[in-house]
Amino acid sequence: MIARGTWIALVAALSIALVPALGIAQEDARTLFQRGQTAYSQGDYDAAIEQWTRAYELDPRPLLQFNLSQAYERLGRLEDAIHALELYLERADPNDEHQSDARARVSALRERVGRTSVRVTGGPEGATILVDGEDRGRTPRPDPIQVSPGSHRIAVRAQGYAEFTSSVVVPAGQSVDVAVDMQPSSGGAQVAQGGDELPVVPIILFSAGGAALIAGAVMGGVALSDAENAPGRDSPEADAARGLALGADITMGAGVALAAAGLIVLLVADSGGGEDREPERISLAPWGGASGGGVAVAGSF
């Protein structure tokens, strides 16, 4: 069992051994702080930040954050400057003489960050504005779009137009205008035109086919009624009824053919095609005879 005197001697020896180590740590923090001061005075703010950050890791004195905020502000890193000042205000003595200055600077920096923006002008109405890939509204947008200081990629997209892209550097507290100049894209224009024109053809064909079927049905009903009321099979009334029935058959056949043509055109339009595809050509030829009639459909797709 170790005597009490021996314990006291060991504790004293350990304390003596730790004092130089603590002194070295404090000395290193002071050295790093002084190096940071020298770098700051020479305009090397990146080096000052590095030295003061290392000093803060060894000796977390709140005033170091106050100094760091100044270096960050000089580099235009306003959000980092605000964060450093907030750390200082959180951890510093409330009676510290720099408190009021820090609060005022935080407010000023936040106002500057709010003014950092891009203003997009021009471009087709309704185009999508993307800032660094994020949707930020539609054109026209006269109000500024708030961004952080630094480099940003602006893109504007609209159907039927080639995409507009631009890389801009926005200084802290400033607004940068981005003038959009978009040219119609040949592919997009053809798609848009095709989307407007292609559905019209099958609609017309379907409508005409339906009208023909209805007319044929009406004619057939009248022919049947006249045939029933005819005095004999060889009478003029019976001949007229047979002629009307033939016309009804031809008309209904044409209606069926028109509807089929509309379906073909619709299917071809849905299948798409390259930019070099020739336009569809459709020809309709009515035919008729003693046994019936219809419409012959010929075309190239």
Protein backbone atom coordinates (compact mmCIF):
# COMPACT_ATOMS: atom_id res chain seq x y z
CA MET A 1 0.00 0.00 0.00
CA ILE A 2 1.37 3.39 -1.06
CA ALA A 3 1.77 5.89 1.74
CA ARG A 4 0.00 9.19 1.70
CA GLY A 5 3.25 11.07 1.28
CA THR A 6 4.08 9.04 -1.79
CA TRP A 7 0.71 9.96 -3.39
CA ILE A 8 1.34 13.64 -2.80
CA ALA A 9 4.77 13.35 -4.38
CA LEU A 10 3.34 11.62 -7.48
CA VAL A 11 0.61 14.25 -7.94
CA ALA A 12 3.13 17.03 -7.58
CA ALA A 13 5.45 15.41 -10.10
CA LEU A 14 2.57 14.97 -12.58
CA SER A 15 1.52 18.60 -12.19
CA ILE A 16 5.06 19.76 -12.81
CA ALA A 17 5.18 17.63 -15.96
CA LEU A 18 1.85 18.98 -17.31
CA VAL A 19 2.62 22.66 -16.81
CA PRO A 20 5.17 22.88 -19.67
CA ALA A 21 2.80 20.98 -21.97
CA LEU A 22 -0.05 23.38 -21.24
CA GLY A 23 2.30 26.27 -21.71
CA ILE A 24 3.36 24.91 -25.13
CA ALA A 25 -0.30 24.57 -26.21
CA GLN A 26 -1.04 28.15 -25.15
CA GLU A 27 2.10 29.34 -26.84
CA ASP A 28 1.15 27.53 -30.04
CA ALA A 29 -2.31 29.18 -30.04
CA ARG A 30 -0.68 32.60 -29.54
CA THR A 31 1.79 31.88 -32.33
CA LEU A 32 -1.01 30.85 -34.68
CA PHE A 33 -2.99 33.95 -33.76
CA GLN A 34 0.00 36.19 -34.49
CA ARG A 35 0.60 34.46 -37.81
CA GLY A 36 -3.03 35.05 -38.68
CA GLN A 37 -2.68 38.73 -37.79
CA THR A 38 0.36 39.04 -40.04
CA ALA A 39 -1.39 37.29 -42.94
CA TYR A 40 -4.47 39.50 -42.52
CA SER A 41 -2.41 42.70 -42.56
CA GLN A 42 -0.73 41.50 -45.77
CA GLY A 43 -4.08 40.83 -47.45
CA ASP A 44 -3.71 37.04 -47.38
CA TYR A 45 -7.14 36.37 -45.91
CA ASP A 46 -7.17 32.64 -46.72
CA ALA A 47 -3.98 32.16 -44.70
CA ALA A 48 -5.38 34.28 -41.87
CA ILE A 49 -8.50 32.10 -41.73
CA GLU A 50 -6.39 28.93 -41.65
CA GLN A 51 -4.18 30.19 -38.79
CA TRP A 52 -7.04 31.58 -36.70
CA THR A 53 -9.12 28.44 -37.18
CA ARG A 54 -6.23 26.29 -35.89
CA ALA A 55 -5.71 28.69 -32.99
CA TYR A 56 -9.41 28.44 -32.10
CA GLU A 57 -9.17 24.64 -32.05
CA LEU A 58 -6.36 24.90 -29.45
CA ASP A 59 -7.83 27.79 -27.48
CA PRO A 60 -11.53 28.47 -28.31
CA ARG A 61 -11.65 32.14 -27.41
CA PRO A 62 -14.76 33.85 -28.82
CA LEU A 63 -12.78 36.87 -30.04
CA LEU A 64 -11.10 34.63 -32.61
CA GLN A 65 -14.50 34.16 -34.25
CA PHE A 66 -14.86 37.93 -34.39
CA ASN A 67 -11.54 38.11 -36.25
CA LEU A 68 -12.51 35.24 -38.54
CA SER A 69 -15.69 37.06 -39.54
CA GLN A 70 -13.63 40.00 -40.81
CA ALA A 71 -11.45 37.73 -42.97
CA TYR A 72 -14.53 35.94 -44.34
CA GLU A 73 -16.15 39.26 -45.19
CA ARG A 74 -13.03 40.42 -47.04
CA LEU A 75 -13.28 37.29 -49.22
CA GLY A 76 -16.98 37.85 -49.90
CA ARG A 77 -17.96 34.79 -47.88
CA LEU A 78 -20.79 36.60 -46.19
CA GLU A 79 -22.65 33.57 -44.91
CA ASP A 80 -19.46 32.29 -43.20
CA ALA A 81 -18.90 35.75 -41.76
CA ILE A 82 -22.42 35.77 -40.32
CA HIS A 83 -21.90 32.31 -38.81
CA ALA A 84 -18.62 33.37 -37.17
CA LEU A 85 -20.24 36.48 -35.67
CA GLU A 86 -23.15 34.43 -34.36
CA LEU A 87 -20.67 32.07 -32.65
CA TYR A 88 -18.93 35.04 -31.13
CA LEU A 89 -22.20 36.55 -29.83
CA GLU A 90 -23.25 33.18 -28.42
CA ARG A 91 -20.04 32.50 -26.53
CA ALA A 92 -18.57 35.91 -25.71
CA ASP A 93 -18.99 37.73 -22.42
CA PRO A 94 -22.14 39.91 -22.62
CA ASN A 95 -20.03 42.83 -21.41
CA ASP A 96 -17.46 42.41 -24.18
CA GLU A 97 -16.88 45.73 -25.89
CA HIS A 98 -17.23 44.14 -29.34
CA GLN A 99 -20.79 42.90 -28.74
CA SER A 100 -22.64 45.93 -30.11
CA ASP A 101 -20.36 46.11 -33.15
CA ALA A 102 -20.91 42.40 -33.84
CA ARG A 103 -24.71 42.75 -33.72
CA ALA A 104 -24.64 45.71 -36.10
CA ARG A 105 -22.39 43.85 -38.52
CA VAL A 106 -24.62 40.77 -38.47
CA SER A 107 -27.61 42.92 -39.50
CA ALA A 108 -25.61 44.65 -42.23
CA LEU A 109 -24.28 41.36 -43.59
CA ARG A 110 -27.75 39.80 -43.68
CA GLU A 111 -29.02 42.79 -45.63
CA ARG A 112 -26.17 42.42 -48.12
CA VAL A 113 -26.88 38.71 -48.54
CA GLY A 114 -30.52 39.59 -49.27
CA ARG A 115 -29.41 41.94 -52.08
CA THR A 116 -27.22 39.30 -53.73
CA SER A 117 -29.28 38.22 -56.73
CA VAL A 118 -29.66 37.66 -60.46
CA ARG A 119 -32.25 39.35 -62.65
CA VAL A 120 -33.38 37.39 -65.73
CA THR A 121 -34.57 39.52 -68.64
CA GLY A 122 -35.91 38.53 -72.05
CA GLY A 123 -36.83 35.09 -73.32
CA PRO A 124 -40.22 33.75 -74.46
CA GLU A 125 -43.14 34.11 -72.10
CA GLY A 126 -43.69 31.13 -69.81
CA ALA A 127 -40.15 29.77 -70.09
CA THR A 128 -38.78 27.89 -67.06
CA ILE A 129 -35.92 29.57 -65.16
CA LEU A 130 -33.40 27.23 -63.51
CA VAL A 131 -30.66 28.43 -61.14
CA ASP A 132 -28.11 25.69 -60.44
CA GLY A 133 -30.72 23.16 -61.56
CA GLU A 134 -33.43 24.51 -59.22
CA ASP A 135 -36.73 25.75 -60.65
CA ARG A 136 -37.00 29.47 -59.84
CA GLY A 137 -40.15 30.47 -61.70
CA ARG A 138 -41.26 31.48 -65.19
CA THR A 139 -40.58 34.34 -67.55
CA PRO A 140 -41.20 37.19 -67.44
CA ARG A 141 -39.83 37.58 -63.92
CA PRO A 142 -38.91 41.22 -63.27
CA ASP A 143 -38.10 40.72 -59.58
CA PRO A 144 -34.54 39.68 -58.62
CA ILE A 145 -33.85 36.04 -57.76
CA GLN A 146 -31.88 35.82 -54.52
CA VAL A 147 -28.72 33.69 -54.65
CA SER A 148 -25.62 33.25 -52.52
CA PRO A 149 -22.46 35.09 -53.55
CA GLY A 150 -20.32 33.17 -56.05
CA SER A 151 -20.68 31.35 -59.35
CA HIS A 152 -24.08 30.16 -60.59
CA ARG A 153 -25.41 28.42 -63.71
CA ILE A 154 -28.54 29.97 -65.21
CA ALA A 155 -30.67 27.95 -67.65
CA VAL A 156 -33.92 28.91 -69.39
CA ARG A 157 -36.05 26.30 -71.15
CA ALA A 158 -39.12 26.63 -73.36
CA GLN A 159 -40.84 24.23 -75.73
CA GLY A 160 -39.85 24.89 -79.33
CA TYR A 161 -36.68 26.81 -78.38
CA ALA A 162 -33.04 25.85 -77.92
CA GLU A 163 -32.08 25.90 -74.23
CA PHE A 164 -30.32 29.03 -72.99
CA THR A 165 -27.46 28.61 -70.48
CA SER A 166 -25.11 31.08 -68.86
CA SER A 167 -22.59 30.98 -66.00
CA VAL A 168 -22.40 34.14 -63.91
CA VAL A 169 -20.37 35.24 -60.89
CA VAL A 170 -22.46 37.25 -58.44
CA PRO A 171 -20.48 39.44 -56.02
CA ALA A 172 -21.79 39.75 -52.49
CA GLY A 173 -24.47 42.39 -52.13
CA GLN A 174 -24.88 42.93 -55.88
CA SER A 175 -27.44 42.00 -58.52
CA VAL A 176 -26.33 40.67 -61.91
CA ASP A 177 -28.54 40.95 -65.01
CA VAL A 178 -28.80 37.91 -67.28
CA ALA A 179 -30.11 38.77 -70.75
CA VAL A 180 -31.81 35.73 -72.32
CA ASP A 181 -31.65 35.27 -76.09
CA MET A 182 -33.37 32.08 -77.26
CA GLN A 183 -33.65 30.90 -80.86
CA PRO A 184 -36.45 28.62 -82.09
CA SER A 185 -35.25 25.06 -82.57
CA SER A 186 -36.15 23.46 -85.92
CA GLY A 187 -36.97 20.14 -84.29
CA GLY A 188 -39.13 21.74 -81.63
CA ALA A 189 -41.00 23.84 -84.20
CA GLN A 190 -41.80 20.78 -86.32
CA VAL A 191 -43.05 18.85 -83.35
CA ALA A 192 -45.28 21.75 -82.34
CA GLN A 193 -46.67 22.10 -85.85
CA GLY A 194 -47.21 18.36 -86.14
CA GLY A 195 -49.06 18.38 -82.84
CA ASP A 196 -51.43 21.05 -84.20
CA GLU A 197 -52.01 19.59 -87.68
CA LEU A 198 -51.99 15.81 -87.44
CA PRO A 199 -55.16 15.38 -85.32
CA VAL A 200 -57.22 17.50 -87.76
CA VAL A 201 -57.07 14.98 -90.62
CA PRO A 202 -58.49 11.96 -88.76
CA ILE A 203 -61.15 14.14 -87.16
CA ILE A 204 -62.33 15.29 -90.59
CA LEU A 205 -62.32 11.73 -91.93
CA PHE A 206 -64.21 10.38 -88.91
CA SER A 207 -66.78 13.17 -89.19
CA ALA A 208 -67.29 12.64 -92.90
CA GLY A 209 -67.54 8.89 -92.43
CA GLY A 210 -70.12 9.27 -89.71
CA ALA A 211 -72.17 11.67 -91.79
CA ALA A 212 -72.05 9.29 -94.75
CA LEU A 213 -73.19 6.36 -92.62
CA ILE A 214 -76.11 8.35 -91.27
CA ALA A 215 -77.10 9.53 -94.77
CA GLY A 216 -76.84 6.00 -96.13
CA ALA A 217 -79.01 4.64 -93.35
CA VAL A 218 -81.67 7.29 -94.01
CA MET A 219 -81.59 6.57 -97.75
CA GLY A 220 -81.84 2.84 -97.10
CA GLY A 221 -84.88 3.35 -94.89
CA VAL A 222 -86.60 5.49 -97.53
CA ALA A 223 -85.74 2.91 -100.25
CA LEU A 224 -87.21 0.10 -98.17
CA SER A 225 -90.40 2.05 -97.55
CA ASP A 226 -90.78 2.93 -101.24
CA ALA A 227 -90.22 -0.70 -102.25
CA GLU A 228 -92.94 -1.91 -99.90
CA ASN A 229 -95.40 0.67 -101.26
CA ALA A 230 -94.60 -0.01 -104.95
CA PRO A 231 -97.55 -1.55 -106.94
CA GLY A 232 -95.26 -4.21 -108.51
CA ARG A 233 -91.68 -5.33 -108.89
CA ASP A 234 -91.48 -4.00 -112.43
CA SER A 235 -93.20 -0.70 -111.72
CA PRO A 236 -91.35 2.65 -112.00
CA GLU A 237 -91.75 3.08 -108.23
CA ALA A 238 -89.92 -0.22 -107.61
CA ASP A 239 -87.11 0.78 -109.98
CA ALA A 240 -86.71 4.11 -108.14
CA ALA A 241 -86.62 2.30 -104.80
CA ARG A 242 -83.89 -0.04 -106.07
CA GLY A 243 -81.82 2.93 -107.33
CA LEU A 244 -82.21 4.66 -103.97
CA ALA A 245 -81.14 1.46 -102.20
CA LEU A 246 -78.02 1.29 -104.40
CA GLY A 247 -77.20 4.89 -103.50
CA ALA A 248 -77.67 4.05 -99.83
CA ASP A 249 -75.25 1.14 -100.13
CA ILE A 250 -72.65 3.31 -101.87
CA THR A 251 -73.02 6.08 -99.29
CA MET A 252 -72.70 3.70 -96.33
CA GLY A 253 -69.71 2.03 -97.96
CA ALA A 254 -68.10 5.44 -98.34
CA GLY A 255 -68.78 6.16 -94.67
CA VAL A 256 -67.05 2.96 -93.61
CA ALA A 257 -64.09 3.68 -95.87
CA LEU A 258 -63.75 7.26 -94.57
CA ALA A 259 -63.78 6.07 -90.96
CA ALA A 260 -61.15 3.43 -91.79
CA ALA A 261 -58.99 6.06 -93.47
CA GLY A 262 -59.24 8.26 -90.40
CA LEU A 263 -58.09 5.39 -88.23
CA ILE A 264 -55.11 4.72 -90.51
CA VAL A 265 -54.03 8.36 -90.46
CA LEU A 266 -54.36 8.49 -86.68
CA LEU A 267 -52.22 5.38 -86.23
CA VAL A 268 -49.55 6.72 -88.60
CA ALA A 269 -49.48 10.06 -86.80
CA ASP A 270 -49.05 8.37 -83.41
CA SER A 271 -46.15 6.31 -84.71
CA GLY A 272 -44.10 9.51 -85.13
CA GLY A 273 -41.15 9.75 -87.47
CA GLY A 274 -37.95 11.59 -88.13
CA GLU A 275 -37.60 15.14 -89.34
CA ASP A 276 -37.05 13.91 -92.93
CA ARG A 277 -40.29 11.93 -93.09
CA GLU A 278 -42.41 12.91 -96.09
CA PRO A 279 -45.95 14.15 -95.40
CA GLU A 280 -48.79 11.66 -95.69
CA ARG A 281 -50.65 11.54 -99.00
CA ILE A 282 -54.19 10.12 -99.04
CA SER A 283 -56.52 9.80 -102.01
CA LEU A 284 -60.18 8.77 -101.85
CA ALA A 285 -61.90 7.35 -104.96
CA PRO A 286 -65.64 6.52 -104.81
CA TRP A 287 -66.82 3.46 -106.69
CA GLY A 288 -70.16 1.86 -107.28
CA GLY A 289 -71.93 -0.81 -109.26
CA ALA A 290 -74.98 -3.02 -109.42
CA SER A 291 -73.85 -5.00 -106.41
CA GLY A 292 -72.92 -2.06 -104.18
CA GLY A 293 -70.38 0.71 -103.78
CA GLY A 294 -67.86 2.41 -101.53
CA VAL A 295 -64.71 4.55 -101.44
CA ALA A 296 -61.25 3.28 -102.38
CA VAL A 297 -58.50 4.62 -100.08
CA ALA A 298 -54.93 4.91 -101.36
CA GLY A 299 -52.02 6.69 -99.73
CA SER A 300 -48.38 6.83 -98.80
CA PHE A 301 -47.19 7.20 -95.18
